[in-house]
Amino acid sequence: MAEEGQVIGCHTVEAWNEQLQKGNDTKKLIVVDFTASWCGPCRFIAPILAEFARKMPNVLFLKVDVDELKSVAEDWAVEAMPTFMFLKEGKIVDKVVGAKKEELQMTIAKHAAHAAA
């Protein structure tokens, strides 16, 4: 089982559903990185996301490869990589498209603050 403080890769639909359920149960903010191995900006942002995960154990960070889990990417209407979805209790509360470190950091901070309250 994955530990707090890291980005959890979901490689099967079952693992994806299990992590979503876990996030919903704990009422944590879930940040999902929809990524692709061939995407340059995705590779650029990955270590930054890992750093956020280390600093914010109260947030659940998930990573989904859109080529590996096409059905999940389609279900969430992901059209560009990277796309970051912010979920709370099963609902999308925000979205950031592109490798935008500052915007990502601000959006996490905005929703994580509510999660901790």
N, C-alpha and C. Protein backbone atom coordinates (compact mmCIF):
# COMPACT_ATOMS: atom_id res chain seq x y z
N MET A 1 0.84 -1.20 0.00
CA MET A 1 0.00 0.00 0.00
C MET A 1 0.88 1.25 0.00
N ALA A 2 0.47 2.24 -0.70
CA ALA A 2 1.26 3.46 -0.83
C ALA A 2 1.25 4.25 0.47
N GLU A 3 2.29 5.01 0.66
CA GLU A 3 2.45 5.79 1.88
C GLU A 3 2.06 7.24 1.64
N GLU A 4 1.82 7.94 2.74
CA GLU A 4 1.59 9.38 2.64
C GLU A 4 2.89 10.05 2.21
N GLY A 5 2.76 11.20 1.59
CA GLY A 5 3.95 11.96 1.23
C GLY A 5 4.56 11.57 -0.09
N GLN A 6 3.81 10.86 -0.93
CA GLN A 6 4.31 10.55 -2.26
C GLN A 6 3.17 10.55 -3.26
N VAL A 7 3.55 10.62 -4.54
CA VAL A 7 2.54 10.57 -5.61
C VAL A 7 2.27 9.10 -5.90
N ILE A 8 1.02 8.70 -5.84
CA ILE A 8 0.64 7.30 -6.03
C ILE A 8 0.22 7.07 -7.47
N GLY A 9 0.92 6.20 -8.15
CA GLY A 9 0.57 5.86 -9.52
C GLY A 9 -0.55 4.85 -9.55
N CYS A 10 -1.61 5.14 -10.29
CA CYS A 10 -2.73 4.21 -10.44
C CYS A 10 -2.59 3.54 -11.81
N HIS A 11 -2.32 2.23 -11.80
CA HIS A 11 -2.05 1.51 -13.05
C HIS A 11 -3.19 0.63 -13.52
N THR A 12 -4.22 0.50 -12.68
CA THR A 12 -5.41 -0.25 -13.07
C THR A 12 -6.63 0.56 -12.65
N VAL A 13 -7.76 0.28 -13.28
CA VAL A 13 -9.00 0.97 -12.93
C VAL A 13 -9.35 0.64 -11.47
N GLU A 14 -9.07 -0.59 -11.06
CA GLU A 14 -9.36 -1.01 -9.68
C GLU A 14 -8.56 -0.17 -8.69
N ALA A 15 -7.26 0.00 -8.98
CA ALA A 15 -6.40 0.80 -8.08
C ALA A 15 -6.89 2.24 -8.03
N TRP A 16 -7.29 2.76 -9.18
CA TRP A 16 -7.82 4.12 -9.28
C TRP A 16 -9.05 4.27 -8.40
N ASN A 17 -10.00 3.34 -8.55
CA ASN A 17 -11.24 3.39 -7.77
C ASN A 17 -10.96 3.26 -6.27
N GLU A 18 -10.02 2.39 -5.94
CA GLU A 18 -9.65 2.17 -4.53
C GLU A 18 -9.08 3.46 -3.91
N GLN A 19 -8.18 4.12 -4.64
CA GLN A 19 -7.58 5.37 -4.13
C GLN A 19 -8.61 6.49 -4.02
N LEU A 20 -9.51 6.57 -4.99
CA LEU A 20 -10.57 7.58 -4.93
C LEU A 20 -11.44 7.36 -3.70
N GLN A 21 -11.78 6.10 -3.47
CA GLN A 21 -12.61 5.76 -2.32
C GLN A 21 -11.91 6.12 -1.02
N LYS A 22 -10.60 5.82 -0.97
CA LYS A 22 -9.81 6.13 0.22
C LYS A 22 -9.81 7.64 0.48
N GLY A 23 -9.62 8.41 -0.59
CA GLY A 23 -9.63 9.86 -0.47
C GLY A 23 -10.98 10.38 0.00
N ASN A 24 -12.04 9.79 -0.53
CA ASN A 24 -13.40 10.20 -0.14
C ASN A 24 -13.66 9.87 1.32
N ASP A 25 -13.22 8.68 1.73
CA ASP A 25 -13.44 8.24 3.12
C ASP A 25 -12.73 9.15 4.12
N THR A 26 -11.50 9.58 3.77
CA THR A 26 -10.73 10.41 4.69
C THR A 26 -11.05 11.89 4.52
N LYS A 27 -11.87 12.21 3.51
CA LYS A 27 -12.25 13.59 3.18
C LYS A 27 -11.03 14.45 2.82
N LYS A 28 -9.95 13.81 2.40
CA LYS A 28 -8.76 14.55 1.98
C LYS A 28 -8.99 15.19 0.62
N LEU A 29 -8.24 16.25 0.36
CA LEU A 29 -8.18 16.80 -0.98
C LEU A 29 -7.40 15.80 -1.83
N ILE A 30 -7.91 15.48 -3.02
CA ILE A 30 -7.22 14.59 -3.94
C ILE A 30 -6.77 15.41 -5.14
N VAL A 31 -5.48 15.33 -5.45
CA VAL A 31 -4.94 15.99 -6.64
C VAL A 31 -4.55 14.88 -7.60
N VAL A 32 -5.18 14.87 -8.78
CA VAL A 32 -4.90 13.83 -9.77
C VAL A 32 -4.11 14.45 -10.93
N ASP A 33 -2.96 13.85 -11.20
CA ASP A 33 -2.12 14.27 -12.32
C ASP A 33 -2.39 13.32 -13.48
N PHE A 34 -3.10 13.81 -14.51
CA PHE A 34 -3.30 13.03 -15.72
C PHE A 34 -2.10 13.32 -16.62
N THR A 35 -1.30 12.30 -16.88
CA THR A 35 0.00 12.47 -17.51
C THR A 35 0.19 11.50 -18.67
N ALA A 36 1.30 11.62 -19.37
CA ALA A 36 1.65 10.69 -20.44
C ALA A 36 3.17 10.61 -20.52
N SER A 37 3.68 9.42 -20.80
CA SER A 37 5.13 9.21 -20.82
C SER A 37 5.82 10.04 -21.90
N TRP A 38 5.11 10.34 -22.98
CA TRP A 38 5.68 11.08 -24.10
C TRP A 38 5.57 12.59 -23.95
N CYS A 39 4.98 13.05 -22.86
CA CYS A 39 4.69 14.47 -22.67
C CYS A 39 5.82 15.17 -21.91
N GLY A 40 6.54 16.06 -22.61
CA GLY A 40 7.65 16.80 -22.01
C GLY A 40 7.28 17.60 -20.77
N PRO A 41 6.24 18.44 -20.85
CA PRO A 41 5.84 19.22 -19.67
C PRO A 41 5.46 18.33 -18.48
N CYS A 42 4.93 17.14 -18.76
CA CYS A 42 4.57 16.20 -17.68
C CYS A 42 5.84 15.77 -16.93
N ARG A 43 6.89 15.49 -17.69
CA ARG A 43 8.16 15.08 -17.07
C ARG A 43 8.76 16.23 -16.27
N PHE A 44 8.56 17.46 -16.75
CA PHE A 44 9.05 18.64 -16.05
C PHE A 44 8.35 18.82 -14.70
N ILE A 45 7.05 18.61 -14.66
CA ILE A 45 6.27 18.90 -13.45
C ILE A 45 6.30 17.74 -12.44
N ALA A 46 6.62 16.53 -12.88
CA ALA A 46 6.59 15.35 -11.99
C ALA A 46 7.40 15.52 -10.70
N PRO A 47 8.68 15.96 -10.77
CA PRO A 47 9.42 16.12 -9.52
C PRO A 47 8.87 17.23 -8.63
N ILE A 48 8.24 18.22 -9.25
CA ILE A 48 7.63 19.32 -8.48
C ILE A 48 6.42 18.78 -7.71
N LEU A 49 5.62 17.95 -8.39
CA LEU A 49 4.46 17.33 -7.75
C LEU A 49 4.91 16.43 -6.60
N ALA A 50 6.00 15.68 -6.83
CA ALA A 50 6.55 14.79 -5.78
C ALA A 50 6.98 15.61 -4.56
N GLU A 51 7.54 16.77 -4.81
CA GLU A 51 7.96 17.66 -3.72
C GLU A 51 6.73 18.17 -2.95
N PHE A 52 5.67 18.55 -3.67
CA PHE A 52 4.42 18.98 -3.01
C PHE A 52 3.90 17.84 -2.13
N ALA A 53 3.92 16.62 -2.66
CA ALA A 53 3.40 15.45 -1.93
C ALA A 53 4.18 15.25 -0.63
N ARG A 54 5.50 15.42 -0.69
CA ARG A 54 6.32 15.28 0.53
C ARG A 54 5.96 16.34 1.56
N LYS A 55 5.67 17.54 1.08
CA LYS A 55 5.39 18.66 2.01
C LYS A 55 3.95 18.67 2.51
N MET A 56 3.06 17.95 1.81
CA MET A 56 1.64 18.01 2.17
C MET A 56 1.04 16.62 2.35
N PRO A 57 1.36 15.96 3.46
CA PRO A 57 0.83 14.61 3.68
C PRO A 57 -0.68 14.57 3.88
N ASN A 58 -1.30 15.76 4.10
CA ASN A 58 -2.76 15.83 4.27
C ASN A 58 -3.50 15.86 2.94
N VAL A 59 -2.74 15.83 1.83
CA VAL A 59 -3.34 15.82 0.49
C VAL A 59 -2.97 14.50 -0.19
N LEU A 60 -3.92 13.89 -0.88
CA LEU A 60 -3.67 12.64 -1.59
C LEU A 60 -3.33 12.97 -3.05
N PHE A 61 -2.11 12.62 -3.47
CA PHE A 61 -1.67 12.89 -4.84
C PHE A 61 -1.69 11.60 -5.64
N LEU A 62 -2.43 11.60 -6.74
CA LEU A 62 -2.52 10.43 -7.61
C LEU A 62 -2.02 10.78 -8.99
N LYS A 63 -1.49 9.76 -9.68
CA LYS A 63 -1.01 9.96 -11.05
C LYS A 63 -1.64 8.91 -11.94
N VAL A 64 -2.19 9.36 -13.06
CA VAL A 64 -2.82 8.46 -14.03
C VAL A 64 -2.19 8.69 -15.40
N ASP A 65 -1.64 7.63 -15.99
CA ASP A 65 -1.12 7.70 -17.36
C ASP A 65 -2.30 7.53 -18.31
N VAL A 66 -2.55 8.55 -19.13
CA VAL A 66 -3.75 8.54 -19.99
C VAL A 66 -3.71 7.43 -21.04
N ASP A 67 -2.52 6.98 -21.39
CA ASP A 67 -2.42 5.88 -22.36
C ASP A 67 -2.67 4.53 -21.68
N GLU A 68 -2.31 4.46 -20.41
CA GLU A 68 -2.49 3.23 -19.64
C GLU A 68 -3.95 3.05 -19.21
N LEU A 69 -4.56 4.15 -18.78
CA LEU A 69 -5.95 4.11 -18.31
C LEU A 69 -6.81 5.05 -19.16
N LYS A 70 -6.94 4.70 -20.42
CA LYS A 70 -7.71 5.53 -21.37
C LYS A 70 -9.13 5.78 -20.89
N SER A 71 -9.77 4.75 -20.35
CA SER A 71 -11.17 4.88 -19.94
C SER A 71 -11.32 5.91 -18.82
N VAL A 72 -10.36 5.93 -17.89
CA VAL A 72 -10.41 6.90 -16.80
C VAL A 72 -10.24 8.31 -17.35
N ALA A 73 -9.26 8.49 -18.24
CA ALA A 73 -9.02 9.81 -18.85
C ALA A 73 -10.26 10.28 -19.61
N GLU A 74 -10.92 9.35 -20.32
CA GLU A 74 -12.14 9.71 -21.05
C GLU A 74 -13.28 10.05 -20.09
N ASP A 75 -13.42 9.27 -19.02
CA ASP A 75 -14.46 9.53 -18.04
C ASP A 75 -14.33 10.94 -17.45
N TRP A 76 -13.09 11.41 -17.30
CA TRP A 76 -12.84 12.71 -16.68
C TRP A 76 -12.61 13.80 -17.73
N ALA A 77 -12.88 13.47 -19.01
CA ALA A 77 -12.80 14.43 -20.12
C ALA A 77 -11.45 15.14 -20.18
N VAL A 78 -10.38 14.37 -20.01
CA VAL A 78 -9.03 14.93 -20.08
C VAL A 78 -8.63 15.04 -21.54
N GLU A 79 -8.27 16.24 -21.96
CA GLU A 79 -7.94 16.47 -23.36
C GLU A 79 -6.50 16.93 -23.57
N ALA A 80 -5.84 17.40 -22.53
CA ALA A 80 -4.46 17.87 -22.65
C ALA A 80 -3.66 17.37 -21.46
N MET A 81 -2.35 17.20 -21.68
CA MET A 81 -1.49 16.77 -20.59
C MET A 81 -0.43 17.84 -20.33
N PRO A 82 -0.07 18.03 -19.05
CA PRO A 82 -0.76 17.42 -17.90
C PRO A 82 -2.04 18.19 -17.55
N THR A 83 -3.02 17.44 -17.06
CA THR A 83 -4.23 18.04 -16.48
C THR A 83 -4.26 17.61 -15.02
N PHE A 84 -4.46 18.56 -14.14
CA PHE A 84 -4.57 18.27 -12.71
C PHE A 84 -6.01 18.51 -12.29
N MET A 85 -6.63 17.47 -11.76
CA MET A 85 -8.00 17.59 -11.24
C MET A 85 -7.92 17.61 -9.72
N PHE A 86 -8.72 18.47 -9.13
CA PHE A 86 -8.77 18.59 -7.68
C PHE A 86 -10.13 18.08 -7.23
N LEU A 87 -10.12 17.04 -6.42
CA LEU A 87 -11.37 16.40 -6.01
C LEU A 87 -11.54 16.48 -4.50
N LYS A 88 -12.78 16.63 -4.11
CA LYS A 88 -13.11 16.58 -2.69
C LYS A 88 -14.42 15.85 -2.54
N GLU A 89 -14.38 14.77 -1.77
CA GLU A 89 -15.56 13.94 -1.53
C GLU A 89 -16.24 13.55 -2.84
N GLY A 90 -15.41 13.17 -3.82
CA GLY A 90 -15.93 12.65 -5.08
C GLY A 90 -16.32 13.69 -6.10
N LYS A 91 -16.19 14.98 -5.76
CA LYS A 91 -16.58 16.03 -6.71
C LYS A 91 -15.35 16.80 -7.17
N ILE A 92 -15.38 17.23 -8.44
CA ILE A 92 -14.30 18.07 -8.96
C ILE A 92 -14.50 19.47 -8.40
N VAL A 93 -13.49 19.97 -7.70
CA VAL A 93 -13.60 21.33 -7.13
C VAL A 93 -12.73 22.32 -7.90
N ASP A 94 -11.79 21.80 -8.70
CA ASP A 94 -10.93 22.69 -9.48
C ASP A 94 -10.16 21.88 -10.51
N LYS A 95 -9.47 22.62 -11.41
CA LYS A 95 -8.73 21.97 -12.49
C LYS A 95 -7.63 22.93 -12.95
N VAL A 96 -6.43 22.39 -13.18
CA VAL A 96 -5.34 23.17 -13.76
C VAL A 96 -4.84 22.39 -14.97
N VAL A 97 -4.78 23.05 -16.12
CA VAL A 97 -4.27 22.39 -17.32
C VAL A 97 -2.91 22.99 -17.66
N GLY A 98 -1.91 22.13 -17.79
CA GLY A 98 -0.56 22.59 -18.13
C GLY A 98 0.37 22.50 -16.93
N ALA A 99 1.67 22.53 -17.23
CA ALA A 99 2.71 22.41 -16.19
C ALA A 99 2.97 23.77 -15.57
N LYS A 100 1.99 24.27 -14.83
CA LYS A 100 2.07 25.61 -14.24
C LYS A 100 2.29 25.49 -12.74
N LYS A 101 3.56 25.52 -12.35
CA LYS A 101 3.92 25.29 -10.96
C LYS A 101 3.20 26.23 -9.98
N GLU A 102 3.24 27.53 -10.27
CA GLU A 102 2.65 28.50 -9.34
C GLU A 102 1.14 28.32 -9.21
N GLU A 103 0.49 28.15 -10.36
CA GLU A 103 -0.97 27.97 -10.34
C GLU A 103 -1.34 26.69 -9.60
N LEU A 104 -0.56 25.65 -9.83
CA LEU A 104 -0.78 24.37 -9.16
C LEU A 104 -0.64 24.52 -7.65
N GLN A 105 0.44 25.18 -7.25
CA GLN A 105 0.71 25.38 -5.83
C GLN A 105 -0.40 26.20 -5.16
N MET A 106 -0.85 27.26 -5.83
CA MET A 106 -1.90 28.11 -5.26
C MET A 106 -3.23 27.36 -5.17
N THR A 107 -3.52 26.56 -6.18
CA THR A 107 -4.78 25.81 -6.19
C THR A 107 -4.79 24.75 -5.10
N ILE A 108 -3.66 24.08 -4.92
CA ILE A 108 -3.55 23.08 -3.84
C ILE A 108 -3.74 23.77 -2.51
N ALA A 109 -3.03 24.89 -2.30
CA ALA A 109 -3.11 25.62 -1.03
C ALA A 109 -4.54 26.06 -0.74
N LYS A 110 -5.21 26.56 -1.77
CA LYS A 110 -6.58 27.05 -1.61
C LYS A 110 -7.51 25.94 -1.10
N HIS A 111 -7.42 24.77 -1.72
CA HIS A 111 -8.35 23.68 -1.35
C HIS A 111 -7.87 22.86 -0.15
N ALA A 112 -6.56 22.78 0.04
CA ALA A 112 -6.03 22.03 1.18
C ALA A 112 -6.37 22.74 2.48
N ALA A 113 -6.39 24.07 2.44
CA ALA A 113 -6.74 24.85 3.61
C ALA A 113 -8.14 24.51 4.09
N HIS A 114 -9.07 24.34 3.12
CA HIS A 114 -10.45 23.98 3.48
C HIS A 114 -10.50 22.56 4.03
N ALA A 115 -9.66 21.69 3.48
CA ALA A 115 -9.66 20.28 3.90
C ALA A 115 -9.21 20.15 5.35
N ALA A 116 -8.26 21.00 5.73
CA ALA A 116 -7.71 20.94 7.09
C ALA A 116 -8.68 21.56 8.11
N ALA A 117 -9.52 22.45 7.64
CA ALA A 117 -10.43 23.19 8.55
C ALA A 117 -11.52 22.28 9.11
